[in-house]
Amino acid sequence: MPTVLEQSGFRFHFFSDEGNEPCHIHMKKGNGRGKIWLIPNFEEDYYYGFTEQEKKKSVKS
């Protein structure tokens, strides 16, 4: 899983073969993990194990 960006403890990465899913990015910090859709709209798919502060910071990172 290639890493795109590491910042503020977050690691943003992608998997090379996820079928026909629209463009998205995965993120991880400690035990937290999430997935953000990039197309057609920038929006969260899920956040597990993040505090509300971390969720807000991940989008700003």
PDB file of N, CA and C in Angstrom:
ATOM      1  N   MET A   1       0.837  -1.170   0.000  1.00  0.00           N
ATOM      2  CA  MET A   1       0.000   0.000   0.000  1.00  0.00           C
ATOM      3  C   MET A   1       0.886   1.238   0.000  1.00  0.00           C
ATOM      4  N   PRO A   2       1.014   1.902  -1.131  1.00  0.00           N
ATOM      5  CA  PRO A   2       1.862   3.082  -1.253  1.00  0.00           C
ATOM      6  C   PRO A   2       1.357   4.245  -0.402  1.00  0.00           C
ATOM      7  N   THR A   3       2.287   4.886   0.289  1.00  0.00           N
ATOM      8  CA  THR A   3       1.964   6.050   1.106  1.00  0.00           C
ATOM      9  C   THR A   3       2.032   7.304   0.249  1.00  0.00           C
ATOM     10  N   VAL A   4       1.013   8.129   0.332  1.00  0.00           N
ATOM     11  CA  VAL A   4       0.937   9.374  -0.421  1.00  0.00           C
ATOM     12  C   VAL A   4       1.483  10.528   0.408  1.00  0.00           C
ATOM     13  N   LEU A   5       1.153  10.534   1.719  1.00  0.00           N
ATOM     14  CA  LEU A   5       1.526  11.635   2.589  1.00  0.00           C
ATOM     15  C   LEU A   5       1.570  11.153   4.028  1.00  0.00           C
ATOM     16  N   GLU A   6       2.565  11.638   4.769  1.00  0.00           N
ATOM     17  CA  GLU A   6       2.613  11.438   6.218  1.00  0.00           C
ATOM     18  C   GLU A   6       2.725  12.816   6.835  1.00  0.00           C
ATOM     19  N   GLN A   7       1.739  13.162   7.684  1.00  0.00           N
ATOM     20  CA  GLN A   7       1.724  14.485   8.283  1.00  0.00           C
ATOM     21  C   GLN A   7       0.946  14.449   9.585  1.00  0.00           C
ATOM     22  N   SER A   8       1.493  15.083  10.614  1.00  0.00           N
ATOM     23  CA  SER A   8       0.830  15.200  11.922  1.00  0.00           C
ATOM     24  C   SER A   8       0.427  13.842  12.476  1.00  0.00           C
ATOM     25  N   GLY A   9       1.209  12.809  12.197  1.00  0.00           N
ATOM     26  CA  GLY A   9       0.904  11.475  12.691  1.00  0.00           C
ATOM     27  C   GLY A   9      -0.042  10.682  11.819  1.00  0.00           C
ATOM     28  N   PHE A  10      -0.637  11.303  10.812  1.00  0.00           N
ATOM     29  CA  PHE A  10      -1.537  10.622   9.886  1.00  0.00           C
ATOM     30  C   PHE A  10      -0.735  10.061   8.722  1.00  0.00           C
ATOM     31  N   ARG A  11      -1.115   8.896   8.269  1.00  0.00           N
ATOM     32  CA  ARG A  11      -0.530   8.317   7.057  1.00  0.00           C
ATOM     33  C   ARG A  11      -1.653   8.118   6.061  1.00  0.00           C
ATOM     34  N   PHE A  12      -1.535   8.760   4.914  1.00  0.00           N
ATOM     35  CA  PHE A  12      -2.526   8.657   3.851  1.00  0.00           C
ATOM     36  C   PHE A  12      -1.965   7.723   2.789  1.00  0.00           C
ATOM     37  N   HIS A  13      -2.741   6.707   2.416  1.00  0.00           N
ATOM     38  CA  HIS A  13      -2.250   5.698   1.487  1.00  0.00           C
ATOM     39  C   HIS A  13      -3.390   5.157   0.630  1.00  0.00           C
ATOM     40  N   PHE A  14      -3.020   4.361  -0.351  1.00  0.00           N
ATOM     41  CA  PHE A  14      -4.030   3.735  -1.202  1.00  0.00           C
ATOM     42  C   PHE A  14      -3.638   2.291  -1.473  1.00  0.00           C
ATOM     43  N   PHE A  15      -4.594   1.523  -1.901  1.00  0.00           N
ATOM     44  CA  PHE A  15      -4.370   0.149  -2.323  1.00  0.00           C
ATOM     45  C   PHE A  15      -4.449   0.130  -3.844  1.00  0.00           C
ATOM     46  N   SER A  16      -3.605  -0.639  -4.487  1.00  0.00           N
ATOM     47  CA  SER A  16      -3.511  -0.572  -5.945  1.00  0.00           C
ATOM     48  C   SER A  16      -4.679  -1.229  -6.676  1.00  0.00           C
ATOM     49  N   ASP A  17      -5.401  -2.141  -6.027  1.00  0.00           N
ATOM     50  CA  ASP A  17      -6.499  -2.805  -6.727  1.00  0.00           C
ATOM     51  C   ASP A  17      -7.693  -2.980  -5.792  1.00  0.00           C
ATOM     52  N   GLU A  18      -8.643  -2.085  -5.911  1.00  0.00           N
ATOM     53  CA  GLU A  18      -9.858  -2.185  -5.100  1.00  0.00           C
ATOM     54  C   GLU A  18     -11.094  -2.268  -5.988  1.00  0.00           C
ATOM     55  N   GLY A  19     -10.929  -2.937  -7.094  1.00  0.00           N
ATOM     56  CA  GLY A  19     -12.071  -3.154  -7.973  1.00  0.00           C
ATOM     57  C   GLY A  19     -12.524  -1.885  -8.657  1.00  0.00           C
ATOM     58  N   ASN A  20     -13.822  -1.684  -8.673  1.00  0.00           N
ATOM     59  CA  ASN A  20     -14.411  -0.551  -9.386  1.00  0.00           C
ATOM     60  C   ASN A  20     -14.797   0.608  -8.480  1.00  0.00           C
ATOM     61  N   GLU A  21     -14.214   0.681  -7.282  1.00  0.00           N
ATOM     62  CA  GLU A  21     -14.558   1.778  -6.370  1.00  0.00           C
ATOM     63  C   GLU A  21     -14.082   3.108  -6.942  1.00  0.00           C
ATOM     64  N   PRO A  22     -14.856   4.182  -6.714  1.00  0.00           N
ATOM     65  CA  PRO A  22     -14.404   5.508  -7.138  1.00  0.00           C
ATOM     66  C   PRO A  22     -13.104   5.894  -6.404  1.00  0.00           C
ATOM     67  N   CYS A  23     -12.442   6.899  -6.895  1.00  0.00           N
ATOM     68  CA  CYS A  23     -11.174   7.364  -6.330  1.00  0.00           C
ATOM     69  C   CYS A  23     -11.346   7.743  -4.855  1.00  0.00           C
ATOM     70  N   HIS A  24     -10.465   7.224  -4.007  1.00  0.00           N
ATOM     71  CA  HIS A  24     -10.509   7.507  -2.577  1.00  0.00           C
ATOM     72  C   HIS A  24      -9.125   7.319  -1.976  1.00  0.00           C
ATOM     73  N   ILE A  25      -8.978   7.738  -0.724  1.00  0.00           N
ATOM     74  CA  ILE A  25      -7.712   7.600  -0.004  1.00  0.00           C
ATOM     75  C   ILE A  25      -8.013   7.017   1.379  1.00  0.00           C
ATOM     76  N   HIS A  26      -7.104   6.176   1.853  1.00  0.00           N
ATOM     77  CA  HIS A  26      -7.211   5.618   3.198  1.00  0.00           C
ATOM     78  C   HIS A  26      -6.291   6.399   4.114  1.00  0.00           C
ATOM     79  N   MET A  27      -6.636   6.446   5.386  1.00  0.00           N
ATOM     80  CA  MET A  27      -5.780   7.126   6.347  1.00  0.00           C
ATOM     81  C   MET A  27      -5.684   6.315   7.619  1.00  0.00           C
ATOM     82  N   LYS A  28      -4.553   6.491   8.306  1.00  0.00           N
ATOM     83  CA  LYS A  28      -4.314   5.747   9.532  1.00  0.00           C
ATOM     84  C   LYS A  28      -3.517   6.620  10.481  1.00  0.00           C
ATOM     85  N   LYS A  29      -3.851   6.526  11.750  1.00  0.00           N
ATOM     86  CA  LYS A  29      -3.087   7.168  12.815  1.00  0.00           C
ATOM     87  C   LYS A  29      -3.290   6.342  14.061  1.00  0.00           C
ATOM     88  N   GLY A  30      -2.225   5.764  14.587  1.00  0.00           N
ATOM     89  CA  GLY A  30      -2.348   4.879  15.740  1.00  0.00           C
ATOM     90  C   GLY A  30      -3.295   3.741  15.421  1.00  0.00           C
ATOM     91  N   ASN A  31      -4.324   3.566  16.243  1.00  0.00           N
ATOM     92  CA  ASN A  31      -5.326   2.525  16.008  1.00  0.00           C
ATOM     93  C   ASN A  31      -6.492   3.017  15.152  1.00  0.00           C
ATOM     94  N   GLY A  32      -6.492   4.305  14.815  1.00  0.00           N
ATOM     95  CA  GLY A  32      -7.569   4.868  14.006  1.00  0.00           C
ATOM     96  C   GLY A  32      -7.341   4.619  12.525  1.00  0.00           C
ATOM     97  N   ARG A  33      -8.443   4.494  11.800  1.00  0.00           N
ATOM     98  CA  ARG A  33      -8.355   4.325  10.355  1.00  0.00           C
ATOM     99  C   ARG A  33      -9.596   4.929   9.714  1.00  0.00           C
ATOM    100  N   GLY A  34      -9.444   5.313   8.467  1.00  0.00           N
ATOM    101  CA  GLY A  34     -10.571   5.933   7.788  1.00  0.00           C
ATOM    102  C   GLY A  34     -10.419   5.863   6.279  1.00  0.00           C
ATOM    103  N   LYS A  35     -11.477   6.261   5.611  1.00  0.00           N
ATOM    104  CA  LYS A  35     -11.482   6.291   4.149  1.00  0.00           C
ATOM    105  C   LYS A  35     -12.259   7.516   3.712  1.00  0.00           C
ATOM    106  N   ILE A  36     -11.661   8.257   2.778  1.00  0.00           N
ATOM    107  CA  ILE A  36     -12.265   9.488   2.280  1.00  0.00           C
ATOM    108  C   ILE A  36     -12.441   9.364   0.776  1.00  0.00           C
ATOM    109  N   TRP A  37     -13.665   9.595   0.317  1.00  0.00           N
ATOM    110  CA  TRP A  37     -13.938   9.604  -1.120  1.00  0.00           C
ATOM    111  C   TRP A  37     -13.407  10.896  -1.706  1.00  0.00           C
ATOM    112  N   LEU A  38     -12.765  10.817  -2.849  1.00  0.00           N
ATOM    113  CA  LEU A  38     -12.265  12.002  -3.541  1.00  0.00           C
ATOM    114  C   LEU A  38     -13.143  12.362  -4.730  1.00  0.00           C
ATOM    115  N   ILE A  39     -13.799  11.358  -5.305  1.00  0.00           N
ATOM    116  CA  ILE A  39     -14.660  11.537  -6.475  1.00  0.00           C
ATOM    117  C   ILE A  39     -15.948  10.758  -6.226  1.00  0.00           C
ATOM    118  N   PRO A  40     -17.101  11.224  -6.492  1.00  0.00           N
ATOM    119  CA  PRO A  40     -17.420  12.483  -7.157  1.00  0.00           C
ATOM    120  C   PRO A  40     -17.373  13.682  -6.214  1.00  0.00           C
ATOM    121  N   ASN A  41     -17.457  13.468  -4.893  1.00  0.00           N
ATOM    122  CA  ASN A  41     -17.375  14.565  -3.921  1.00  0.00           C
ATOM    123  C   ASN A  41     -16.384  14.196  -2.840  1.00  0.00           C
ATOM    124  N   PHE A  42     -15.740  15.198  -2.264  1.00  0.00           N
ATOM    125  CA  PHE A  42     -14.830  14.988  -1.146  1.00  0.00           C
ATOM    126  C   PHE A  42     -15.677  14.779   0.106  1.00  0.00           C
ATOM    127  N   GLU A  43     -15.751  13.529   0.590  1.00  0.00           N
ATOM    128  CA  GLU A  43     -16.548  13.231   1.780  1.00  0.00           C
ATOM    129  C   GLU A  43     -16.045  11.964   2.450  1.00  0.00           C
ATOM    130  N   GLU A  44     -16.322  11.868   3.740  1.00  0.00           N
ATOM    131  CA  GLU A  44     -15.862  10.690   4.482  1.00  0.00           C
ATOM    132  C   GLU A  44     -16.719   9.474   4.161  1.00  0.00           C
ATOM    133  N   ASP A  45     -16.069   8.333   4.117  1.00  0.00           N
ATOM    134  CA  ASP A  45     -16.787   7.058   4.033  1.00  0.00           C
ATOM    135  C   ASP A  45     -16.891   6.502   5.443  1.00  0.00           C
ATOM    136  N   TYR A  46     -15.755   6.444   6.145  1.00  0.00           N
ATOM    137  CA  TYR A  46     -15.785   6.013   7.543  1.00  0.00           C
ATOM    138  C   TYR A  46     -14.558   6.531   8.283  1.00  0.00           C
ATOM    139  N   TYR A  47     -14.705   6.686   9.578  1.00  0.00           N
ATOM    140  CA  TYR A  47     -13.622   6.979  10.514  1.00  0.00           C
ATOM    141  C   TYR A  47     -13.830   6.042  11.695  1.00  0.00           C
ATOM    142  N   TYR A  48     -12.870   5.218  11.996  1.00  0.00           N
ATOM    143  CA  TYR A  48     -12.936   4.335  13.158  1.00  0.00           C
ATOM    144  C   TYR A  48     -11.754   4.638  14.069  1.00  0.00           C
ATOM    145  N   GLY A  49     -12.027   4.823  15.344  1.00  0.00           N
ATOM    146  CA  GLY A  49     -10.964   4.986  16.325  1.00  0.00           C
ATOM    147  C   GLY A  49     -10.340   6.363  16.391  1.00  0.00           C
ATOM    148  N   PHE A  50     -10.961   7.372  15.766  1.00  0.00           N
ATOM    149  CA  PHE A  50     -10.465   8.740  15.833  1.00  0.00           C
ATOM    150  C   PHE A  50     -11.328   9.567  16.767  1.00  0.00           C
ATOM    151  N   THR A  51     -10.698  10.533  17.448  1.00  0.00           N
ATOM    152  CA  THR A  51     -11.466  11.502  18.222  1.00  0.00           C
ATOM    153  C   THR A  51     -12.051  12.524  17.248  1.00  0.00           C
ATOM    154  N   GLU A  52     -12.995  13.323  17.700  1.00  0.00           N
ATOM    155  CA  GLU A  52     -13.576  14.367  16.850  1.00  0.00           C
ATOM    156  C   GLU A  52     -12.493  15.346  16.404  1.00  0.00           C
ATOM    157  N   GLN A  53     -11.564  15.665  17.304  1.00  0.00           N
ATOM    158  CA  GLN A  53     -10.462  16.570  16.955  1.00  0.00           C
ATOM    159  C   GLN A  53      -9.602  15.982  15.840  1.00  0.00           C
ATOM    160  N   GLU A  54      -9.286  14.699  15.938  1.00  0.00           N
ATOM    161  CA  GLU A  54      -8.470  14.053  14.911  1.00  0.00           C
ATOM    162  C   GLU A  54      -9.203  14.020  13.567  1.00  0.00           C
ATOM    163  N   LYS A  55     -10.510  13.789  13.599  1.00  0.00           N
ATOM    164  CA  LYS A  55     -11.287  13.784  12.354  1.00  0.00           C
ATOM    165  C   LYS A  55     -11.173  15.139  11.651  1.00  0.00           C
ATOM    166  N   LYS A  56     -11.328  16.218  12.413  1.00  0.00           N
ATOM    167  CA  LYS A  56     -11.242  17.554  11.833  1.00  0.00           C
ATOM    168  C   LYS A  56      -9.834  17.829  11.330  1.00  0.00           C
ATOM    169  N   LYS A  57      -8.834  17.415  12.099  1.00  0.00           N
ATOM    170  CA  LYS A  57      -7.448  17.669  11.709  1.00  0.00           C
ATOM    171  C   LYS A  57      -7.068  16.876  10.457  1.00  0.00           C
ATOM    172  N   SER A  58      -7.599  15.686  10.292  1.00  0.00           N
ATOM    173  CA  SER A  58      -7.238  14.854   9.140  1.00  0.00           C
ATOM    174  C   SER A  58      -7.658  15.513   7.837  1.00  0.00           C
ATOM    175  N   VAL A  59      -8.761  16.200   7.850  1.00  0.00           N
ATOM    176  CA  VAL A  59      -9.247  16.856   6.638  1.00  0.00           C
ATOM    177  C   VAL A  59      -8.411  18.106   6.342  1.00  0.00           C
ATOM    178  N   LYS A  60      -7.882  18.721   7.381  1.00  0.00           N
ATOM    179  CA  LYS A  60      -7.053  19.920   7.199  1.00  0.00           C
ATOM    180  C   LYS A  60      -5.618  19.566   6.843  1.00  0.00           C
ATOM    181  N   SER A  61      -5.173  18.345   7.140  1.00  0.00           N
ATOM    182  CA  SER A  61      -3.772  17.966   6.926  1.00  0.00           C
ATOM    183  C   SER A  61      -3.349  18.027   5.494  1.00  0.00           C
TER     184      SER A  61
END
